[in-house]
Protein backbone atom coordinates (compact mmCIF):
# COMPACT_ATOMS: atom_id res chain seq x y z
CA MET A 1 -0.01 0.01 0.01
CA ALA A 2 1.36 3.37 -0.95
CA GLU A 3 0.21 5.02 2.23
CA GLU A 4 2.52 2.76 4.24
CA TYR A 5 5.52 4.59 2.73
CA SER A 6 4.15 8.13 3.24
CA PRO A 7 6.57 10.34 5.16
CA SER A 8 5.62 11.16 8.74
CA PRO A 9 4.33 14.68 9.26
CA PRO A 10 6.43 17.16 11.27
CA PRO A 11 5.96 17.36 15.03
CA LEU A 12 2.72 18.95 16.08
CA THR A 13 3.41 22.63 16.75
CA PRO A 14 1.87 23.78 20.01
CA PRO A 15 -0.10 27.05 20.11
CA LEU A 16 2.34 29.99 20.12
CA THR A 17 -0.24 32.72 20.75
CA GLU A 18 -3.40 33.14 22.81
CA GLU A 19 -5.40 33.20 19.58
CA GLU A 20 -3.99 29.79 18.55
CA ARG A 21 -4.69 28.47 22.03
CA LEU A 22 -8.27 29.64 21.62
CA PHE A 23 -8.57 27.73 18.32
CA TRP A 24 -7.19 24.58 19.96
CA LEU A 25 -9.77 24.79 22.76
CA ARG A 26 -12.60 25.41 20.31
CA LEU A 27 -11.60 22.42 18.19
CA LEU A 28 -11.26 20.06 21.16
CA ARG A 29 -14.56 21.16 22.73
CA SER A 30 -16.49 20.91 19.47
CA ARG A 31 -19.28 18.35 19.42
CA ARG A 32 -18.18 14.83 18.46
CA VAL A 33 -14.50 15.76 18.41
CA GLY A 34 -12.54 13.58 20.78
CA VAL A 35 -8.79 13.15 21.20
CA SER A 36 -8.39 10.89 18.15
CA THR A 37 -10.41 13.19 15.91
CA PHE A 38 -8.52 16.25 17.18
CA PHE A 39 -5.16 14.86 16.16
CA ARG A 40 -6.48 13.55 12.82
CA LEU A 41 -7.93 16.93 11.94
CA MET A 42 -4.68 18.67 12.95
CA ALA A 43 -2.67 16.24 10.82
CA GLU A 44 -4.90 16.75 7.78
CA HIS A 45 -5.43 20.53 7.97
CA GLY A 46 -2.21 21.70 9.63
CA SER A 47 -3.75 24.01 12.25
CA ALA A 48 -6.72 24.20 14.57
CA GLU A 49 -8.03 27.28 12.76
CA ALA A 50 -8.08 25.46 9.41
CA ALA A 51 -9.62 22.37 11.02
CA LEU A 52 -12.41 24.43 12.52
CA THR A 53 -13.14 25.92 9.12
CA ALA A 54 -13.32 22.48 7.60
CA LEU A 55 -15.25 20.86 10.42
CA PRO A 56 -18.83 21.58 9.20
CA ASP A 57 -17.99 20.05 5.80
CA VAL A 58 -16.40 17.01 7.45
CA ALA A 59 -19.50 16.60 9.61
CA GLN A 60 -21.76 16.96 6.56
CA LYS A 61 -19.90 14.10 4.84
CA ALA A 62 -20.37 12.05 7.99
CA GLY A 63 -24.13 12.62 7.79
CA VAL A 64 -24.33 15.29 10.48
CA SER A 65 -26.23 18.30 9.11
CA GLY A 66 -26.34 21.80 10.64
CA TYR A 67 -23.08 21.27 12.50
CA GLU A 68 -21.52 24.21 14.28
CA PRO A 69 -18.13 24.12 16.03
CA PHE A 70 -17.69 25.21 19.65
CA SER A 71 -18.25 28.92 19.76
CA ARG A 72 -15.53 31.50 20.31
CA ALA A 73 -17.55 33.08 23.16
CA ALA A 74 -17.82 29.74 25.02
CA ALA A 75 -14.09 29.07 24.61
CA GLU A 76 -13.22 32.58 25.85
CA ALA A 77 -15.52 32.00 28.86
CA GLU A 78 -13.67 28.80 29.73
CA LEU A 79 -10.28 30.53 29.45
CA GLU A 80 -11.51 33.30 31.68
CA ALA A 81 -12.83 30.75 34.18
CA GLY A 82 -9.42 29.11 34.20
CA ARG A 83 -7.72 32.43 34.94
CA LYS A 84 -10.12 33.08 37.82
CA ALA A 85 -9.42 29.61 39.24
CA GLY A 86 -5.65 30.16 38.98
CA ALA A 87 -5.34 27.34 36.42
CA ALA A 88 -2.93 27.15 33.52
CA LEU A 89 -3.85 25.51 30.18
CA LEU A 90 -1.09 23.12 29.10
CA ALA A 91 -0.97 22.18 25.40
CA PHE A 92 0.48 19.01 23.87
CA GLY A 93 4.02 19.75 22.66
CA GLU A 94 4.76 22.55 25.11
CA PRO A 95 7.75 22.21 27.50
CA ALA A 96 5.42 22.30 30.49
CA TYR A 97 3.25 19.42 29.20
CA PRO A 98 3.90 16.18 31.21
CA PRO A 99 6.43 14.27 29.13
CA ARG A 100 5.24 10.78 30.06
CA LEU A 101 1.67 11.69 29.20
CA ALA A 102 2.84 12.77 25.78
CA GLU A 103 4.00 9.19 25.11
CA ILE A 104 0.63 7.43 25.56
CA PRO A 105 -1.55 6.53 22.52
CA ASP A 106 -4.30 9.05 23.37
CA PRO A 107 -2.75 12.03 25.16
CA PRO A 108 -5.10 14.92 25.97
CA PRO A 109 -4.33 17.84 23.62
CA LEU A 110 -5.04 20.27 26.45
CA LEU A 111 -4.79 19.95 30.22
CA TRP A 112 -5.91 22.34 32.95
CA ALA A 113 -3.35 22.56 35.76
CA ILE A 114 -3.36 24.18 39.21
CA GLY A 115 -0.03 24.06 40.99
CA ASP A 116 3.47 23.25 39.85
CA PRO A 117 3.70 21.49 36.41
CA LYS A 118 7.39 20.78 37.00
CA LEU A 119 6.40 17.97 39.35
CA ALA A 120 5.37 15.94 36.29
CA GLN A 121 8.94 16.14 34.99
CA ARG A 122 10.27 14.21 37.98
CA PRO A 123 10.20 10.41 38.52
CA THR A 124 6.56 9.50 39.23
CA VAL A 125 4.72 6.53 40.64
CA ALA A 126 0.93 6.09 40.63
CA LEU A 127 -0.62 4.62 43.76
CA VAL A 128 -4.24 3.55 43.50
CA GLY A 129 -6.67 1.38 45.39
CA ALA A 130 -9.98 0.90 47.10
CA ARG A 131 -12.21 3.71 48.26
CA ASN A 132 -13.38 1.60 51.20
CA ALA A 133 -9.81 0.82 52.15
CA SER A 134 -9.00 -1.24 55.16
CA SER A 135 -6.91 0.12 58.04
CA LEU A 136 -3.99 -2.03 56.90
CA GLY A 137 -4.34 -0.87 53.29
CA THR A 138 -4.42 2.79 54.36
CA ARG A 139 -1.31 2.33 56.48
CA MET A 140 0.44 0.62 53.56
CA ALA A 141 -0.50 3.47 51.21
CA ARG A 142 0.86 6.06 53.61
CA LYS A 143 4.07 4.12 54.16
CA VAL A 144 4.76 3.54 50.46
CA ALA A 145 3.91 7.15 49.50
CA ALA A 146 6.08 8.64 52.25
CA THR A 147 9.01 6.37 51.45
CA LEU A 148 8.83 7.06 47.72
CA GLY A 149 8.60 10.78 48.43
CA ALA A 150 11.70 10.59 50.62
CA SER A 151 13.56 8.93 47.72
CA GLY A 152 12.62 11.82 45.39
CA ALA A 153 9.63 10.34 43.56
CA VAL A 154 6.34 12.18 43.01
CA THR A 155 3.13 10.26 43.70
CA VAL A 156 0.12 10.28 41.35
CA SER A 157 -3.44 9.37 42.35
CA GLY A 158 -7.06 10.34 41.83
CA LEU A 159 -8.11 12.23 45.00
CA ALA A 160 -10.75 9.61 45.76
CA ARG A 161 -11.59 8.36 49.23
CA GLY A 162 -9.50 5.68 50.85
CA ILE A 163 -6.16 4.81 49.30
CA ASP A 164 -5.96 7.92 47.09
CA THR A 165 -6.53 10.26 50.02
CA ALA A 166 -3.88 8.49 52.11
CA VAL A 167 -1.36 8.72 49.28
CA HIS A 168 -1.85 12.43 48.64
CA ALA A 169 -1.81 13.33 52.33
CA ALA A 170 1.38 11.36 52.99
CA SER A 171 3.30 12.95 50.11
CA LEU A 172 2.18 16.58 50.22
CA GLY A 173 5.63 17.73 51.34
CA SER A 174 7.56 15.68 48.78
CA GLY A 175 5.31 16.15 45.74
CA THR A 176 1.99 14.69 44.68
CA ILE A 177 -0.21 14.98 41.59
CA ALA A 178 -4.02 14.54 41.75
CA VAL A 179 -5.81 13.77 38.49
CA LEU A 180 -9.46 14.81 38.54
CA ALA A 181 -12.34 13.29 36.56
CA GLY A 182 -14.27 16.59 36.51
CA GLY A 183 -13.15 20.15 36.10
CA VAL A 184 -9.85 21.09 37.78
CA ASP A 185 -11.85 23.54 39.87
CA VAL A 186 -14.39 20.94 41.01
CA VAL A 187 -13.43 18.86 44.07
CA TYR A 188 -14.87 15.35 44.35
CA PRO A 189 -15.52 14.06 46.90
CA GLN A 190 -16.25 17.29 48.69
CA GLU A 191 -14.76 15.95 51.89
CA ASN A 192 -11.34 16.33 50.21
CA ALA A 193 -11.76 20.06 49.57
CA VAL A 194 -9.05 21.09 52.05
CA LEU A 195 -6.72 18.39 50.71
CA ALA A 196 -7.31 19.52 47.13
CA GLN A 197 -6.50 23.11 48.13
CA GLU A 198 -3.25 21.97 49.73
CA ILE A 199 -2.33 19.98 46.64
CA GLY A 200 -2.99 23.05 44.47
CA GLU A 201 -0.62 25.03 46.71
CA LYS A 202 2.12 22.41 47.22
CA GLY A 203 1.56 19.88 44.46
CA LEU A 204 -0.35 19.70 41.17
CA LEU A 205 -4.00 19.27 40.19
CA LEU A 206 -4.63 18.12 36.60
CA SER A 207 -7.74 17.55 34.46
CA GLU A 208 -8.56 17.26 30.78
CA ALA A 209 -12.21 18.10 31.47
CA PRO A 210 -13.78 21.54 30.94
CA LEU A 211 -13.87 23.93 33.86
CA HIS A 212 -16.88 23.60 36.19
CA LEU A 213 -17.68 20.06 34.90
CA ARG A 214 -19.01 17.87 37.72
CA PRO A 215 -17.70 14.31 37.39
CA GLN A 216 -19.97 11.42 36.51
CA ALA A 217 -19.25 7.70 36.70
CA ARG A 218 -18.45 7.50 32.98
CA HIS A 219 -15.65 10.07 33.36
CA PHE A 220 -13.50 8.09 35.77
CA PRO A 221 -12.08 5.37 33.49
CA ALA A 222 -10.80 8.05 31.09
CA ARG A 223 -9.27 9.83 34.06
CA ASN A 224 -7.58 6.55 35.06
CA ARG A 225 -5.62 6.38 31.78
CA LEU A 226 -4.08 9.74 32.71
CA ILE A 227 -3.06 8.48 36.15
CA SER A 228 -1.17 5.57 34.61
CA GLY A 229 0.07 7.70 31.73
CA LEU A 230 1.72 10.23 34.09
CA ALA A 231 3.59 7.53 35.95
CA SER A 232 6.58 5.28 35.39
CA ALA A 233 4.87 2.52 37.35
CA VAL A 234 1.47 1.83 38.84
CA VAL A 235 1.05 0.28 42.29
CA VAL A 236 -2.31 -1.20 43.23
CA ILE A 237 -2.64 -1.43 46.98
CA GLU A 238 -6.20 -2.73 47.45
CA ALA A 239 -8.75 -3.48 44.74
CA ALA A 240 -11.86 -5.55 44.44
CA ALA A 241 -12.35 -7.92 41.49
CA LYS A 242 -14.50 -5.27 39.76
CA SER A 243 -12.84 -1.95 40.35
CA GLY A 244 -11.53 1.16 38.68
CA SER A 245 -8.04 0.32 39.93
CA LEU A 246 -7.96 -2.67 37.60
CA ILE A 247 -8.90 -0.39 34.72
CA THR A 248 -5.89 1.77 35.67
CA ALA A 249 -3.70 -1.36 35.76
CA ARG A 250 -4.90 -2.44 32.31
CA ALA A 251 -4.29 1.04 30.91
CA ALA A 252 -0.78 0.94 32.41
CA LEU A 253 0.00 -2.28 30.57
CA ASP A 254 -1.35 -0.84 27.32
CA GLN A 255 0.93 2.15 27.84
CA GLY A 256 4.00 0.05 28.62
CA ARG A 257 4.14 0.87 32.29
CA GLU A 258 5.22 -1.54 35.02
CA VAL A 259 2.40 -2.78 37.26
CA PHE A 260 2.87 -3.71 40.92
CA ALA A 261 0.32 -5.09 43.36
CA VAL A 262 0.23 -5.54 47.12
CA PRO A 263 -0.98 -9.05 47.99
CA GLY A 264 -3.81 -9.59 50.46
CA HIS A 265 -5.66 -12.31 52.28
CA PRO A 266 -7.73 -14.56 49.92
CA PHE A 267 -10.81 -14.09 52.09
CA ASP A 268 -10.67 -10.27 51.86
CA ALA A 269 -12.71 -9.06 48.85
CA ARG A 270 -10.60 -5.90 48.76
CA ALA A 271 -7.56 -8.03 47.93
CA ALA A 272 -9.19 -10.03 45.14
CA GLY A 273 -8.11 -7.61 42.37
CA CYS A 274 -4.51 -7.35 43.59
CA ASN A 275 -4.19 -11.12 43.94
CA THR A 276 -5.55 -11.56 40.43
CA LEU A 277 -3.03 -9.04 39.09
CA ILE A 278 -0.19 -10.89 40.71
CA ARG A 279 -1.44 -14.23 39.37
CA ASP A 280 -1.51 -12.69 35.90
CA GLY A 281 2.00 -11.29 36.01
CA ALA A 282 2.08 -8.07 38.02
CA LEU A 283 5.10 -7.61 40.27
CA LEU A 284 4.49 -8.45 43.91
CA VAL A 285 5.29 -5.59 46.29
CA ARG A 286 7.27 -6.75 49.30
CA GLY A 287 8.35 -3.19 50.08
CA THR A 288 9.13 0.12 48.43
CA ARG A 289 12.58 -1.18 47.42
CA ASP A 290 10.87 -3.28 44.72
CA ILE A 291 9.35 -0.15 43.22
CA GLU A 292 12.49 1.95 43.55
CA ASP A 293 14.58 -0.67 41.77
CA ALA A 294 12.15 -0.77 38.86
CA LEU A 295 12.12 3.02 38.59
CA ALA A 296 15.92 3.18 38.59
CA ALA A 297 16.03 0.82 35.63
CA GLN A 298 13.71 2.93 33.50
CA PRO A 299 14.88 5.65 31.09
CA GLN A 300 13.66 9.18 31.66
CA PRO A 301 11.09 10.47 29.16
CA ALA A 302 11.98 12.95 26.42
CA ASN A 303 10.87 16.54 26.67
CA ALA A 304 7.28 16.91 25.59
CA ALA A 305 8.21 19.74 23.23
CA ALA A 306 9.94 17.19 20.98
CA CYS A 307 7.06 14.76 20.85
CA LYS A 308 5.08 14.14 17.69
CA ALA A 309 1.40 13.50 17.54
CA PRO A 310 0.47 9.95 18.54
CA ALA A 311 1.76 7.54 15.93
CA GLN A 312 -1.61 6.05 15.00
CA LEU A 313 -3.00 9.54 14.48
CA GLN A 314 -0.17 11.10 12.50
CA GLN A 315 -1.20 9.95 9.04
CA ALA A 316 -4.29 11.81 7.85
CA THR A 317 -6.81 9.67 6.01
CA GLY A 318 -6.75 10.35 2.27
CA ALA A 319 -10.01 9.14 0.80
CA PRO A 320 -13.04 11.48 1.06
CA GLU A 321 -15.21 8.72 2.45
CA ASP A 322 -12.59 8.07 5.12
CA ARG A 323 -12.31 11.74 6.01
CA ALA A 324 -16.03 11.80 6.58
CA LYS A 325 -15.56 9.15 9.24
CA MET A 326 -13.12 11.31 11.14
CA ILE A 327 -15.96 12.84 13.19
CA ASP A 328 -16.03 10.66 16.27
CA ALA A 329 -19.25 9.87 18.02
CA SER A 330 -17.14 9.27 21.11
CA ASP A 331 -14.85 11.53 23.09
CA THR A 332 -12.14 10.19 25.36
CA THR A 333 -13.50 12.48 28.08
CA ARG A 334 -16.54 10.24 27.79
CA ALA A 335 -15.26 6.96 29.12
CA VAL A 336 -16.99 3.68 29.63
CA SER A 337 -18.38 2.55 32.94
CA PRO A 338 -16.33 0.03 34.95
CA PRO A 339 -16.74 -3.52 33.62
CA SER A 340 -19.38 -5.72 35.08
CA SER A 341 -17.04 -8.69 35.14
CA PRO A 342 -13.51 -9.01 36.51
CA ALA A 343 -11.19 -6.78 34.51
CA MET A 344 -8.64 -9.54 33.99
CA PRO A 345 -10.59 -12.83 33.83
CA SER A 346 -8.14 -14.54 31.49
CA PRO A 347 -5.32 -16.74 32.73
CA ARG A 348 -3.07 -15.10 30.13
CA SER A 349 -0.31 -12.87 31.56
CA LEU A 350 -0.84 -9.14 31.72
CA ARG A 351 1.59 -8.52 28.87
CA ASP A 352 0.06 -11.27 26.72
CA THR A 353 -3.37 -9.65 27.26
CA ALA A 354 -2.06 -6.20 26.33
CA ASP A 355 -0.36 -7.63 23.20
CA LEU A 356 -3.60 -9.34 22.14
CA HIS A 357 -5.56 -6.11 22.66
CA ARG A 358 -3.05 -4.26 20.47
CA ARG A 359 -3.29 -6.93 17.73
CA ILE A 360 -7.09 -6.70 17.71
CA LEU A 361 -7.08 -2.91 17.55
CA ASP A 362 -4.51 -2.93 14.80
CA ARG A 363 -6.80 -5.10 12.69
CA LEU A 364 -9.87 -2.94 13.25
CA GLY A 365 -10.80 0.41 11.74
CA PRO A 366 -13.89 2.56 11.51
CA SER A 367 -15.47 0.24 8.89
CA PRO A 368 -17.29 -2.70 10.50
CA LEU A 369 -15.67 -6.13 10.28
CA ALA A 370 -17.27 -9.46 11.00
CA GLU A 371 -16.06 -10.88 14.33
CA ASP A 372 -15.60 -14.32 12.72
CA GLN A 373 -13.37 -12.81 10.08
CA LEU A 374 -11.25 -11.05 12.69
CA ILE A 375 -10.80 -14.34 14.59
CA ARG A 376 -9.67 -16.02 11.33
CA ASP A 377 -7.31 -13.14 10.54
CA LEU A 378 -5.65 -13.47 13.94
CA SER A 379 -5.32 -17.24 13.60
CA LEU A 380 -6.45 -17.69 17.17
CA SER A 381 -9.31 -19.56 18.81
CA ALA A 382 -12.64 -17.89 19.45
CA SER A 383 -12.28 -18.68 23.16
CA THR A 384 -9.11 -16.53 23.18
CA VAL A 385 -10.31 -13.62 21.05
CA THR A 386 -13.91 -13.19 22.17
CA PRO A 387 -13.17 -12.31 25.82
CA ALA A 388 -10.52 -9.81 24.62
CA ILE A 389 -13.08 -8.17 22.26
CA LEU A 390 -15.52 -7.96 25.14
CA ALA A 391 -12.94 -6.28 27.35
CA LEU A 392 -12.17 -3.73 24.62
CA GLU A 393 -15.87 -3.13 24.10
CA LEU A 394 -16.33 -2.48 27.82
CA ASP A 395 -13.37 -0.05 27.61
CA GLY A 396 -15.12 1.85 24.80
CA LYS A 397 -12.39 1.00 22.28
CA VAL A 398 -14.54 -1.36 20.17
CA HIS A 399 -18.11 -0.84 18.98
CA ARG A 400 -20.38 -3.84 18.37
CA ALA A 401 -23.14 -3.52 15.74
CA ALA A 402 -25.90 -5.86 14.67
CA GLY A 403 -25.00 -8.94 12.68
CA GLY A 404 -21.80 -9.73 14.55
CA LEU A 405 -19.96 -6.67 13.15
CA ILE A 406 -17.36 -4.81 15.14
CA SER A 407 -15.31 -1.66 14.57
CA ARG A 408 -12.71 0.46 16.34
CA THR A 409 -14.13 3.55 18.05
CA SER A 410 -10.95 5.64 18.07
């Protein structure tokens, strides 16, 4: 195929003026434009301003009539709200943009930040776990966070109850990053309002969501990919068999991060997820030395300013009928709800599962494909492929249509 030999486009140029930053925000907030579509439009049109001009025509070809991009007035209102909240808008490709986050397959083009963005340049470890954490789990979270902080690492978590709260509180003095599912100016749960204020003053609050957005359940899995994306490693301290922490662990594997888990008693439901992760190949945490050794062996990320757009989004689609499909019905700020079955039910190792997910997604595109045909193309058994397709469907990465047809959503 000729397109396989097409030269890669130049690195995505971040907005250099406030006007360009406004165009970026308008494009990203436009209806049915998610992260994937944003980068595709930028690759095809060269700038956010040009992409906004073309957007109604692209939408028309996709069968969406009367389409209007996000208004200038609404974008200016969000920027003004950010200034009033003391938040900075970080754009993909800028030096202040978190370098590890720039490496993931679906990095947010824009991030709202309150606090010190330089913390994301340092060695980082994500610590996540149960909201209804046990006393032992909370003590473990505080101990690991404090020890990692003393060694120079920055902790990353989600400001939720339980393990997240313990992690942030224990590492306020050494550096902690809280990733929010709603607007960076919206604290959830409200009981962590004082902690959030302290993190904004001493650490870093981050969110890809619009200002003032109150988080809903569907926002949290998308937030979890940012927690793992910011970190060099993810440590799961307590997690039930069906929990958001396992979504974070799976995202970490997809992003090439190391996953650790703290073992627990088999009779404790809060340990079921961690024990499953260890069974499937996660590294068992005996102490913080295990995590520190893994961090020391990892290379530091390149500066975000030198990063290109995500590889799978760099090549703009050429055919008109393909360009019409660039309008996404899904946005990565709209994530799927946590799975209703254990996140890692397969006896395959974590890395084998991540490799299989990548192979499936590489085979799929926006055009529907019969599931039977996909299984034949992969030369694997249906019992191996079908659970993986279901997991990707629950993650919102695969769409299933009538007649046994499936397609990639982003």
